[in-house]
């Protein structure tokens, strides 16, 4: 019989092994290739599909560079749909900060869909502490630290947290604090391959599924990583195909914010593609399939095992 948990663990092992292999390749790389355009991730920070990268939204020669994005994710008939609008400001070459508004459309499951309520505000900031290729050493990755803060998370255990007058659902706040390293590894004389990109980090979080699953009972350290392959596309376009993994706290919190619910949340896996039409326009199109959660407890199936999302980012 197909074992979901075993499949997820093996997927994470494969991804981490790939990151290790590509990291070894980075030690032998002696050529630099600029990453022409950065896209915003799910929560507004410069990232892959759902996890942050060490790069920022800053652009050479601009003191402030603004990037906007629209994100859509179909989380299935139980959880519902998510729409997000983001604005991010790159400050110089090493800082960024931004805001994202999330809007949720309720699913159609009469028993479970009410656990996901509308609305969440997301704030983020990031700083590069080690620039890529520091001191002309091509093996040095970019290393950044940042945070993501969410207010008004009204999902799962938080869906029962009422305001003081007990007339509205107030929800809770949660956050991530992370450190992440990213390395772009150019590939010479191997057309249509252009580069390999590897990304790995560690986040401290008290959120479940970036707040979409409510809060976790306590702060924990959770790893994440990604591997991507960049190709030269038609004209001057670039095509990037990759996969990422983000480990989640095992259980969301109940309405008291402390008691773990008997729901087992698996590692999130995504398979995604990014299209950069031209380096002259800071425009990106992202498409992805995410494995979120299926049977998380006896009789509880979230039906979110192969969910589709897309996003578009544009820099001014």
Protein backbone atom coordinates (compact mmCIF):
# COMPACT_ATOMS: atom_id res chain seq x y z
CA UNK A 1 0.00 0.00 0.00
CA UNK A 2 1.19 3.53 -0.77
CA UNK A 3 2.54 5.13 2.43
CA UNK A 4 2.11 8.91 2.35
CA UNK A 5 4.46 9.67 5.24
CA UNK A 6 7.21 7.47 3.80
CA UNK A 7 6.78 9.15 0.41
CA UNK A 8 7.14 12.62 1.94
CA UNK A 9 10.23 11.67 3.94
CA UNK A 10 11.88 10.18 0.87
CA UNK A 11 10.99 13.31 -1.11
CA UNK A 12 12.67 15.51 1.49
CA UNK A 13 15.74 13.24 1.57
CA UNK A 14 15.96 13.46 -2.24
CA UNK A 15 15.75 17.24 -2.16
CA UNK A 16 18.34 17.62 0.59
CA UNK A 17 20.65 15.21 -1.23
CA UNK A 18 20.25 17.27 -4.39
CA UNK A 19 21.08 20.46 -2.49
CA UNK A 20 24.22 18.80 -1.11
CA UNK A 21 25.27 17.64 -4.60
CA UNK A 22 24.65 21.03 -6.16
CA UNK A 23 26.43 22.69 -3.26
CA UNK A 24 29.49 20.61 -4.07
CA UNK A 25 29.23 21.78 -7.66
CA UNK A 26 29.15 25.36 -6.43
CA UNK A 27 32.58 24.91 -4.88
CA UNK A 28 33.95 24.23 -8.36
CA UNK A 29 32.13 27.11 -10.09
CA UNK A 30 34.33 29.96 -11.26
CA UNK A 31 31.93 32.01 -13.40
CA UNK A 32 29.28 34.49 -12.29
CA UNK A 33 25.96 34.96 -14.03
CA UNK A 34 23.55 37.70 -12.93
CA UNK A 35 20.06 36.61 -11.95
CA UNK A 36 18.28 39.18 -14.07
CA UNK A 37 14.86 39.32 -12.43
CA UNK A 38 13.54 38.47 -9.01
CA UNK A 39 9.97 37.34 -8.33
CA UNK A 40 8.03 37.63 -5.11
CA UNK A 41 7.12 34.46 -3.27
CA UNK A 42 3.80 33.54 -1.69
CA UNK A 43 4.01 35.97 1.24
CA UNK A 44 5.53 38.89 -0.64
CA UNK A 45 9.23 38.34 0.01
CA UNK A 46 11.66 37.60 -2.82
CA UNK A 47 11.46 33.83 -3.01
CA UNK A 48 10.74 30.59 -4.81
CA UNK A 49 7.05 29.63 -4.68
CA UNK A 50 6.39 29.39 -0.93
CA UNK A 51 9.86 29.78 0.63
CA UNK A 52 12.22 32.79 0.74
CA UNK A 53 15.51 33.19 -1.12
CA UNK A 54 18.54 35.14 0.09
CA UNK A 55 18.21 37.70 -2.71
CA UNK A 56 16.24 40.93 -2.29
CA UNK A 57 14.09 43.10 -4.53
CA UNK A 58 16.85 45.68 -4.85
CA UNK A 59 18.15 46.63 -8.30
CA UNK A 60 21.58 47.97 -9.24
CA UNK A 61 21.53 51.78 -9.52
CA UNK A 62 18.18 52.28 -7.73
CA UNK A 63 17.87 53.43 -4.13
CA UNK A 64 14.30 52.11 -3.93
CA UNK A 65 12.85 49.52 -6.30
CA UNK A 66 9.15 48.65 -5.98
CA UNK A 67 7.72 45.26 -6.97
CA UNK A 68 4.05 44.28 -7.01
CA UNK A 69 2.54 40.82 -7.29
CA UNK A 70 -0.74 38.94 -7.45
CA UNK A 71 -0.90 35.37 -6.15
CA UNK A 72 -3.63 32.75 -6.48
CA UNK A 73 -3.75 29.31 -4.90
CA UNK A 74 -6.51 26.72 -5.22
CA UNK A 75 -6.27 24.78 -1.96
CA UNK A 76 -9.12 22.42 -2.84
CA UNK A 77 -12.78 21.93 -2.04
CA UNK A 78 -12.23 21.74 1.73
CA UNK A 79 -9.81 24.62 2.39
CA UNK A 80 -10.93 26.89 -0.45
CA UNK A 81 -9.10 29.48 -2.58
CA UNK A 82 -6.55 32.12 -1.61
CA UNK A 83 -5.92 35.44 -3.37
CA UNK A 84 -3.06 37.72 -2.36
CA UNK A 85 -1.82 41.16 -3.40
CA UNK A 86 1.74 42.16 -2.49
CA UNK A 87 3.88 45.28 -2.59
CA UNK A 88 7.61 44.97 -1.90
CA UNK A 89 10.31 47.66 -1.76
CA UNK A 90 13.95 46.86 -2.39
CA UNK A 91 16.12 49.37 -0.52
CA UNK A 92 19.59 49.64 -2.03
CA UNK A 93 21.02 46.25 -2.93
CA UNK A 94 20.76 44.54 0.46
CA UNK A 95 17.37 45.25 2.05
CA UNK A 96 13.71 44.74 1.31
CA UNK A 97 10.42 45.14 3.14
CA UNK A 98 6.79 44.74 2.15
CA UNK A 99 3.14 44.05 2.83
CA UNK A 100 0.71 41.40 1.56
CA UNK A 101 -3.05 41.19 1.97
CA UNK A 102 -4.56 37.73 1.85
CA UNK A 103 -8.20 37.13 0.87
CA UNK A 104 -9.73 33.70 1.38
CA UNK A 105 -12.75 32.21 -0.41
CA UNK A 106 -14.38 29.47 1.66
CA UNK A 107 -14.53 25.88 0.40
CA UNK A 108 -17.63 23.78 -0.08
CA UNK A 109 -17.24 21.12 2.63
CA UNK A 110 -20.05 21.66 5.16
CA UNK A 111 -18.16 19.95 7.99
CA UNK A 112 -14.67 21.42 7.66
CA UNK A 113 -14.58 24.49 5.39
CA UNK A 114 -15.75 26.81 8.17
CA UNK A 115 -12.36 26.33 9.86
CA UNK A 116 -10.85 28.72 7.29
CA UNK A 117 -11.97 32.31 7.66
CA UNK A 118 -11.33 35.37 5.51
CA UNK A 119 -8.43 37.76 5.74
CA UNK A 120 -4.87 38.00 7.01
CA UNK A 121 -2.27 40.79 6.92
CA UNK A 122 1.35 39.81 6.24
CA UNK A 123 4.45 41.95 6.78
CA UNK A 124 8.00 41.00 5.85
CA UNK A 125 11.56 42.33 5.85
CA UNK A 126 14.91 40.87 4.82
CA UNK A 127 18.59 41.87 4.86
CA UNK A 128 21.56 40.33 3.06
CA UNK A 129 24.31 39.72 5.62
CA UNK A 130 26.76 38.01 3.24
CA UNK A 131 26.68 39.09 -0.44
CA UNK A 132 27.03 36.38 -3.07
CA UNK A 133 30.62 35.80 -4.26
CA UNK A 134 32.00 37.89 -1.39
CA UNK A 135 35.66 38.94 -1.92
CA UNK A 136 35.49 37.48 -5.45
CA UNK A 137 35.10 33.96 -4.07
CA UNK A 138 32.65 32.34 -6.48
CA UNK A 139 31.70 29.56 -4.07
CA UNK A 140 30.26 31.97 -1.47
CA UNK A 141 26.43 31.96 -1.41
CA UNK A 142 24.27 34.93 -0.60
CA UNK A 143 23.12 34.64 3.03
CA UNK A 144 20.21 36.64 4.41
CA UNK A 145 18.10 36.87 7.50
CA UNK A 146 14.52 38.05 7.69
CA UNK A 147 11.10 37.80 9.26
CA UNK A 148 7.48 37.33 8.19
CA UNK A 149 4.76 38.51 10.60
CA UNK A 150 1.07 37.66 10.16
CA UNK A 151 -1.86 39.27 11.96
CA UNK A 152 -5.49 38.18 12.05
CA UNK A 153 -4.94 34.50 11.25
CA UNK A 154 -8.45 33.05 11.66
CA UNK A 155 -7.80 29.53 10.43
CA UNK A 156 -8.21 26.07 12.06
CA UNK A 157 -7.74 26.49 15.85
CA UNK A 158 -7.77 30.26 15.45
CA UNK A 159 -11.22 30.16 13.83
CA UNK A 160 -12.79 30.04 17.30
CA UNK A 161 -10.90 33.00 18.80
CA UNK A 162 -13.50 35.73 19.32
CA UNK A 163 -13.05 39.45 19.83
CA UNK A 164 -13.54 40.92 23.31
CA UNK A 165 -17.17 41.74 22.59
CA UNK A 166 -17.57 38.19 21.20
CA UNK A 167 -19.19 39.44 18.00
CA UNK A 168 -16.40 38.75 15.49
CA UNK A 169 -13.60 36.25 15.00
CA UNK A 170 -10.40 38.00 15.98
CA UNK A 171 -7.81 35.34 15.23
CA UNK A 172 -4.17 35.38 16.29
CA UNK A 173 -0.79 36.60 15.17
CA UNK A 174 2.15 34.37 14.26
CA UNK A 175 5.55 34.80 12.63
CA UNK A 176 8.64 33.27 11.02
CA UNK A 177 12.24 34.33 11.68
CA UNK A 178 14.65 32.77 9.21
CA UNK A 179 18.15 32.56 7.80
CA UNK A 180 18.58 31.43 4.19
CA UNK A 181 21.43 30.87 1.74
CA UNK A 182 21.12 30.98 -2.06
CA UNK A 183 23.70 30.15 -4.76
CA UNK A 184 23.45 30.68 -8.49
CA UNK A 185 25.75 28.32 -10.38
CA UNK A 186 26.25 29.12 -14.07
CA UNK A 187 26.73 26.31 -16.57
CA UNK A 188 29.11 27.11 -19.44
CA UNK A 189 28.85 25.59 -22.90
CA UNK A 190 25.81 23.46 -22.05
CA UNK A 191 23.02 25.16 -23.99
CA UNK A 192 20.07 25.30 -23.36
CA UNK A 193 21.10 24.99 -19.68
CA UNK A 194 21.98 28.36 -18.17
CA UNK A 195 22.42 27.76 -14.44
CA UNK A 196 21.58 25.77 -11.36
CA UNK A 197 20.06 27.51 -8.35
CA UNK A 198 20.13 26.08 -4.85
CA UNK A 199 18.40 27.44 -1.80
CA UNK A 200 18.36 26.23 1.82
CA UNK A 201 17.40 27.73 5.13
CA UNK A 202 16.05 27.34 8.64
CA UNK A 203 13.08 29.18 10.11
CA UNK A 204 11.82 29.54 13.64
CA UNK A 205 8.03 29.60 13.49
CA UNK A 206 4.88 29.43 15.57
CA UNK A 207 2.69 29.23 12.45
CA UNK A 208 1.16 26.18 10.80
CA UNK A 209 1.40 26.23 6.99
CA UNK A 210 2.33 29.94 6.98
CA UNK A 211 -0.78 30.78 8.99
CA UNK A 212 -3.09 29.02 6.54
CA UNK A 213 -3.28 26.21 9.11
CA UNK A 214 -3.56 28.57 12.06
CA UNK A 215 -0.97 28.64 14.84
CA UNK A 216 1.38 25.97 16.12
CA UNK A 217 1.37 25.18 19.87
CA UNK A 218 4.94 26.50 20.30
CA UNK A 219 7.94 27.93 18.46
CA UNK A 220 9.97 25.31 16.61
CA UNK A 221 12.84 25.27 14.10
CA UNK A 222 11.84 24.01 10.64
CA UNK A 223 14.16 23.49 7.62
CA UNK A 224 13.36 24.34 4.01
CA UNK A 225 15.18 24.03 0.70
CA UNK A 226 14.89 24.17 -3.07
CA UNK A 227 16.72 23.16 -6.24
CA UNK A 228 16.05 24.75 -9.63
CA UNK A 229 17.38 24.49 -13.17
CA UNK A 230 17.46 27.58 -15.42
CA UNK A 231 17.21 27.29 -19.20
CA UNK A 232 17.66 29.75 -22.03
CA UNK A 233 14.25 30.26 -23.60
CA UNK A 234 13.11 31.81 -26.88
CA UNK A 235 14.51 35.26 -27.54
CA UNK A 236 16.09 36.54 -24.36
CA UNK A 237 13.70 34.74 -22.02
CA UNK A 238 14.68 32.48 -19.14
CA UNK A 239 12.76 29.40 -17.97
CA UNK A 240 13.30 28.05 -14.46
CA UNK A 241 12.00 24.69 -13.24
CA UNK A 242 12.39 23.63 -9.64
CA UNK A 243 11.13 21.89 -6.53
CA UNK A 244 11.08 22.98 -2.91
CA UNK A 245 10.35 21.39 0.45
CA UNK A 246 9.29 23.09 3.67
CA UNK A 247 8.95 21.10 6.87
CA UNK A 248 5.93 22.04 9.00
CA UNK A 249 5.18 21.83 12.74
CA UNK A 250 3.60 18.40 13.27
CA UNK A 251 0.34 19.62 14.82
CA UNK A 252 -1.68 22.85 14.71
CA UNK A 253 -2.85 24.41 17.97
CA UNK A 254 -6.36 24.23 19.39
CA UNK A 255 -8.40 27.33 20.20
CA UNK A 256 -6.49 27.85 23.47
CA UNK A 257 -3.32 28.37 21.41
CA UNK A 258 -1.35 25.76 23.39
CA UNK A 259 -2.93 22.32 23.05
CA UNK A 260 -1.78 20.36 19.97
CA UNK A 261 -4.64 19.06 17.84
CA UNK A 262 -4.45 15.40 16.82
CA UNK A 263 -3.86 16.40 13.18
CA UNK A 264 -0.62 15.36 11.48
CA UNK A 265 0.61 17.97 8.99
CA UNK A 266 3.10 16.65 6.42
CA UNK A 267 6.06 18.40 4.81
CA UNK A 268 4.97 20.78 2.05
CA UNK A 269 6.38 19.93 -1.38
CA UNK A 270 6.04 22.09 -4.48
CA UNK A 271 6.97 21.64 -8.13
CA UNK A 272 7.12 24.98 -9.89
CA UNK A 273 8.11 26.88 -13.01
CA UNK A 274 9.10 30.52 -13.49
CA UNK A 275 9.07 32.38 -16.79
CA UNK A 276 11.18 35.53 -17.16
CA UNK A 277 10.25 36.95 -20.60
CA UNK A 278 13.13 39.45 -20.77
CA UNK A 279 15.75 40.81 -18.35
CA UNK A 280 14.90 44.39 -19.38
CA UNK A 281 11.43 44.14 -17.87
CA UNK A 282 11.28 42.97 -14.26
CA UNK A 283 8.36 40.68 -15.02
CA UNK A 284 7.92 37.09 -13.81
CA UNK A 285 5.20 34.47 -14.20
CA UNK A 286 5.13 31.55 -11.74
CA UNK A 287 3.14 28.32 -11.93
CA UNK A 288 3.21 25.58 -9.32
CA UNK A 289 1.69 22.40 -7.95
CA UNK A 290 1.80 21.98 -4.16
CA UNK A 291 1.36 18.94 -1.93
CA UNK A 292 -0.20 20.40 1.21
CA UNK A 293 -2.18 17.82 3.19
CA UNK A 294 -4.52 14.90 2.60
CA UNK A 295 -5.58 12.42 5.29
CA UNK A 296 -4.33 14.19 8.43
CA UNK A 297 -6.36 12.15 10.94
CA UNK A 298 -8.85 9.25 10.83
CA UNK A 299 -11.89 10.57 8.98
CA UNK A 300 -10.28 13.98 8.29
CA UNK A 301 -9.18 14.50 4.68
CA UNK A 302 -8.26 18.01 3.56
CA UNK A 303 -8.09 16.92 -0.10
CA UNK A 304 -5.15 19.23 -0.79
CA UNK A 305 -2.55 16.88 -2.26
CA UNK A 306 -1.99 18.31 -5.75
CA UNK A 307 -3.13 21.92 -5.67
CA UNK A 308 -2.42 24.45 -8.40
CA UNK A 309 -1.33 28.04 -7.98
CA UNK A 310 0.12 30.87 -10.05
CA UNK A 311 1.50 34.34 -9.48
CA UNK A 312 2.78 37.27 -11.47
CA UNK A 313 5.33 39.83 -10.26
CA UNK A 314 6.27 43.13 -11.82
CA UNK A 315 9.06 45.51 -10.81
CA UNK A 316 8.91 49.23 -11.57
